[in-house]
Each structure stands twice: as structure tokens, then as C-alpha cells.
Amino acid sequence: MARRFSAARVRDAGRLFAALGDPTRLGLVFALGASGPESITALSQTADVSRQAVTKHLHVLADAGLVRGSRHGRECIWELVPNRLVDARTYLDRIDVLWDETLERLRDFVEDD
């Protein structure tokens, strides 16, 4: 496993976690994960923000690859892209391994003295 993330991976992870870092957007991800594809109208009913704000949040999530929208008549139906959540888990797992290695080196250093 590579010890460092490439600049492109760091940018990707930053975009992904920034999108997930907002409580409203995270709530939309939870809602889409629990209910499946939904219209903005349905998503707005459970959100604590306006329909226009939900739309903006969905576009941020879409830019991060977490959701995608498709037109069905006059409505846009949004759905979760589960692979991006797998990417998030992968990033966290890699960070976990790096921290474990760092702590192991620290332990070895402290015990050698």
C-alpha cells in the first residue's frame, strides 16, 4: 500500500468529505440511502431548508459524485451513488492504516530509549 496519497486523490477525498461534512447534505444522503430515489419535492419535505437550498445541496453532492439526478417529465429524480460511499470508506481505511503504522513507529521509538 502506498504511504502517501497522490495530489489527485487528496483533491478527490477533499471534495467528497467536504460534501459529506454539511449536516443538510449528509441528511440528504441518509434520506436517499433509506428511501431510494426521490424527487426534490419529496426530499424538501423532510429537510429543514427550502426547496431551493435542497437543490443547491444536491448539486454539491452531485459534483462530488455522491448523487445523480435524472429528468422524469417535469421532475428531477435524485439517487445515491453508493460507490462514492465505498470510496469514502476506502480513504478512511487507508488513513487508519497510516495512523496504525505511525503509532507503531512511535511505540518502537519510545521502547528503544
C-alpha atoms as a PDB file:
ATOM      1  CA  MET A   1       0.000   0.000   0.000  1.00  0.00           C
ATOM      2  CA  ALA A   2       1.336   3.410  -0.938  1.00  0.00           C
ATOM      3  CA  ARG A   3       2.377   5.506   2.007  1.00  0.00           C
ATOM      4  CA  ARG A   4       1.103   8.759   0.531  1.00  0.00           C
ATOM      5  CA  PHE A   5      -1.963   9.872  -1.341  1.00  0.00           C
ATOM      6  CA  SER A   6      -1.474  11.396  -4.770  1.00  0.00           C
ATOM      7  CA  ALA A   7      -2.488  15.032  -5.220  1.00  0.00           C
ATOM      8  CA  ALA A   8      -5.451  13.920  -7.342  1.00  0.00           C
ATOM      9  CA  ARG A   9      -6.655  11.529  -4.621  1.00  0.00           C
ATOM     10  CA  VAL A  10      -6.300  14.216  -1.963  1.00  0.00           C
ATOM     11  CA  ARG A  11      -8.405  16.604  -4.085  1.00  0.00           C
ATOM     12  CA  ASP A  12     -10.996  13.877  -4.663  1.00  0.00           C
ATOM     13  CA  ALA A  13     -11.149  12.973  -0.978  1.00  0.00           C
ATOM     14  CA  GLY A  14     -11.407  16.658  -0.058  1.00  0.00           C
ATOM     15  CA  ARG A  15     -14.356  17.184  -2.399  1.00  0.00           C
ATOM     16  CA  LEU A  16     -16.029  14.006  -1.150  1.00  0.00           C
ATOM     17  CA  PHE A  17     -15.644  14.739   2.561  1.00  0.00           C
ATOM     18  CA  ALA A  18     -16.490  18.435   2.142  1.00  0.00           C
ATOM     19  CA  ALA A  19     -19.786  17.405   0.554  1.00  0.00           C
ATOM     20  CA  LEU A  20     -20.480  14.939   3.367  1.00  0.00           C
ATOM     21  CA  GLY A  21     -19.383  17.437   6.030  1.00  0.00           C
ATOM     22  CA  ASP A  22     -22.514  19.574   5.825  1.00  0.00           C
ATOM     23  CA  PRO A  23     -25.392  18.345   8.047  1.00  0.00           C
ATOM     24  CA  THR A  24     -28.057  19.106   5.425  1.00  0.00           C
ATOM     25  CA  ARG A  25     -26.176  17.269   2.686  1.00  0.00           C
ATOM     26  CA  LEU A  26     -25.447  14.348   4.987  1.00  0.00           C
ATOM     27  CA  GLY A  27     -29.164  14.225   5.801  1.00  0.00           C
ATOM     28  CA  LEU A  28     -29.967  14.080   2.093  1.00  0.00           C
ATOM     29  CA  VAL A  29     -27.508  11.200   1.665  1.00  0.00           C
ATOM     30  CA  PHE A  30     -29.181   9.374   4.578  1.00  0.00           C
ATOM     31  CA  ALA A  31     -32.625  10.031   3.106  1.00  0.00           C
ATOM     32  CA  LEU A  32     -31.672   8.756  -0.338  1.00  0.00           C
ATOM     33  CA  GLY A  33     -29.958   5.730   1.196  1.00  0.00           C
ATOM     34  CA  ALA A  34     -33.024   4.859   3.246  1.00  0.00           C
ATOM     35  CA  SER A  35     -35.761   5.551   0.719  1.00  0.00           C
ATOM     36  CA  GLY A  36     -34.102   5.166  -2.650  1.00  0.00           C
ATOM     37  CA  PRO A  37     -34.543   7.656  -5.497  1.00  0.00           C
ATOM     38  CA  GLU A  38     -36.632  10.710  -4.609  1.00  0.00           C
ATOM     39  CA  SER A  39     -37.802  13.944  -6.173  1.00  0.00           C
ATOM     40  CA  ILE A  40     -36.668  17.308  -4.879  1.00  0.00           C
ATOM     41  CA  THR A  41     -40.235  17.825  -3.679  1.00  0.00           C
ATOM     42  CA  ALA A  42     -40.104  14.706  -1.502  1.00  0.00           C
ATOM     43  CA  LEU A  43     -36.595  15.484  -0.238  1.00  0.00           C
ATOM     44  CA  SER A  44     -37.618  19.057   0.622  1.00  0.00           C
ATOM     45  CA  GLN A  45     -40.432  17.833   2.843  1.00  0.00           C
ATOM     46  CA  THR A  46     -38.007  16.181   5.261  1.00  0.00           C
ATOM     47  CA  ALA A  47     -35.252  18.829   5.110  1.00  0.00           C
ATOM     48  CA  ASP A  48     -35.097  21.867   7.386  1.00  0.00           C
ATOM     49  CA  VAL A  49     -34.260  24.142   4.448  1.00  0.00           C
ATOM     50  CA  SER A  50     -36.089  25.484   1.404  1.00  0.00           C
ATOM     51  CA  ARG A  51     -36.552  23.590  -1.821  1.00  0.00           C
ATOM     52  CA  GLN A  52     -34.033  25.922  -3.494  1.00  0.00           C
ATOM     53  CA  ALA A  53     -31.479  25.137  -0.783  1.00  0.00           C
ATOM     54  CA  VAL A  54     -32.107  21.389  -1.214  1.00  0.00           C
ATOM     55  CA  THR A  55     -31.471  21.827  -4.942  1.00  0.00           C
ATOM     56  CA  LYS A  56     -28.162  23.602  -4.277  1.00  0.00           C
ATOM     57  CA  HIS A  57     -27.102  20.929  -1.781  1.00  0.00           C
ATOM     58  CA  LEU A  58     -27.961  18.174  -4.267  1.00  0.00           C
ATOM     59  CA  HIS A  59     -25.778  19.853  -6.878  1.00  0.00           C
ATOM     60  CA  VAL A  60     -22.840  19.937  -4.433  1.00  0.00           C
ATOM     61  CA  LEU A  61     -23.401  16.235  -3.740  1.00  0.00           C
ATOM     62  CA  ALA A  62     -23.596  15.566  -7.483  1.00  0.00           C
ATOM     63  CA  ASP A  63     -20.324  17.459  -8.089  1.00  0.00           C
ATOM     64  CA  ALA A  64     -18.714  15.148  -5.510  1.00  0.00           C
ATOM     65  CA  GLY A  65     -20.196  12.113  -7.302  1.00  0.00           C
ATOM     66  CA  LEU A  66     -22.403  11.119  -4.365  1.00  0.00           C
ATOM     67  CA  VAL A  67     -25.762  11.531  -6.108  1.00  0.00           C
ATOM     68  CA  ARG A  68     -27.086  11.824  -9.633  1.00  0.00           C
ATOM     69  CA  GLY A  69     -30.257  13.304 -10.955  1.00  0.00           C
ATOM     70  CA  SER A  70     -32.316  12.364 -13.970  1.00  0.00           C
ATOM     71  CA  ARG A  71     -35.331  14.027 -15.520  1.00  0.00           C
ATOM     72  CA  HIS A  72     -38.657  12.224 -15.440  1.00  0.00           C
ATOM     73  CA  GLY A  73     -41.157  14.528 -17.078  1.00  0.00           C
ATOM     74  CA  ARG A  74     -41.137  17.798 -15.161  1.00  0.00           C
ATOM     75  CA  GLU A  75     -39.380  16.378 -12.104  1.00  0.00           C
ATOM     76  CA  CYS A  76     -35.793  15.559 -11.407  1.00  0.00           C
ATOM     77  CA  ILE A  77     -35.354  12.304  -9.507  1.00  0.00           C
ATOM     78  CA  TRP A  78     -32.206  12.035  -7.404  1.00  0.00           C
ATOM     79  CA  GLU A  79     -30.467   8.823  -6.376  1.00  0.00           C
ATOM     80  CA  LEU A  80     -27.492   7.897  -4.269  1.00  0.00           C
ATOM     81  CA  VAL A  81     -24.291   6.689  -5.962  1.00  0.00           C
ATOM     82  CA  PRO A  82     -23.174   4.020  -3.462  1.00  0.00           C
ATOM     83  CA  ASN A  83     -19.713   3.569  -5.000  1.00  0.00           C
ATOM     84  CA  ARG A  84     -18.705   7.005  -3.713  1.00  0.00           C
ATOM     85  CA  LEU A  85     -19.515   5.904  -0.166  1.00  0.00           C
ATOM     86  CA  VAL A  86     -17.249   2.914  -0.778  1.00  0.00           C
ATOM     87  CA  ASP A  87     -14.570   5.402  -1.877  1.00  0.00           C
ATOM     88  CA  ALA A  88     -15.042   7.323   1.395  1.00  0.00           C
ATOM     89  CA  ARG A  89     -14.669   4.108   3.389  1.00  0.00           C
ATOM     90  CA  THR A  90     -11.529   3.231   1.396  1.00  0.00           C
ATOM     91  CA  TYR A  91      -9.970   6.631   2.139  1.00  0.00           C
ATOM     92  CA  LEU A  92     -10.744   6.232   5.842  1.00  0.00           C
ATOM     93  CA  ASP A  93      -9.318   2.705   5.867  1.00  0.00           C
ATOM     94  CA  ARG A  94      -6.086   3.937   4.268  1.00  0.00           C
ATOM     95  CA  ILE A  95      -5.790   6.740   6.816  1.00  0.00           C
ATOM     96  CA  ASP A  96      -6.415   4.199   9.577  1.00  0.00           C
ATOM     97  CA  VAL A  97      -3.553   2.021   8.314  1.00  0.00           C
ATOM     98  CA  LEU A  98      -1.225   5.029   8.094  1.00  0.00           C
ATOM     99  CA  TRP A  99      -2.056   6.022  11.682  1.00  0.00           C
ATOM    100  CA  ASP A 100      -1.509   2.467  12.895  1.00  0.00           C
ATOM    101  CA  GLU A 101       1.906   2.446  11.222  1.00  0.00           C
ATOM    102  CA  THR A 102       2.763   5.832  12.729  1.00  0.00           C
ATOM    103  CA  LEU A 103       1.733   4.741  16.212  1.00  0.00           C
ATOM    104  CA  GLU A 104       3.724   1.533  15.831  1.00  0.00           C
ATOM    105  CA  ARG A 105       6.846   3.541  14.891  1.00  0.00           C
ATOM    106  CA  LEU A 106       6.270   5.829  17.884  1.00  0.00           C
ATOM    107  CA  ARG A 107       5.899   2.829  20.199  1.00  0.00           C
ATOM    108  CA  ASP A 108       9.126   1.319  18.844  1.00  0.00           C
ATOM    109  CA  PHE A 109      10.929   4.643  19.305  1.00  0.00           C
ATOM    110  CA  VAL A 110       9.717   5.082  22.888  1.00  0.00           C
ATOM    111  CA  GLU A 111      10.527   1.493  23.846  1.00  0.00           C
ATOM    112  CA  ASP A 112      14.058   1.703  22.374  1.00  0.00           C
ATOM    113  CA  ASP A 113      15.019   4.556  24.705  1.00  0.00           C
END
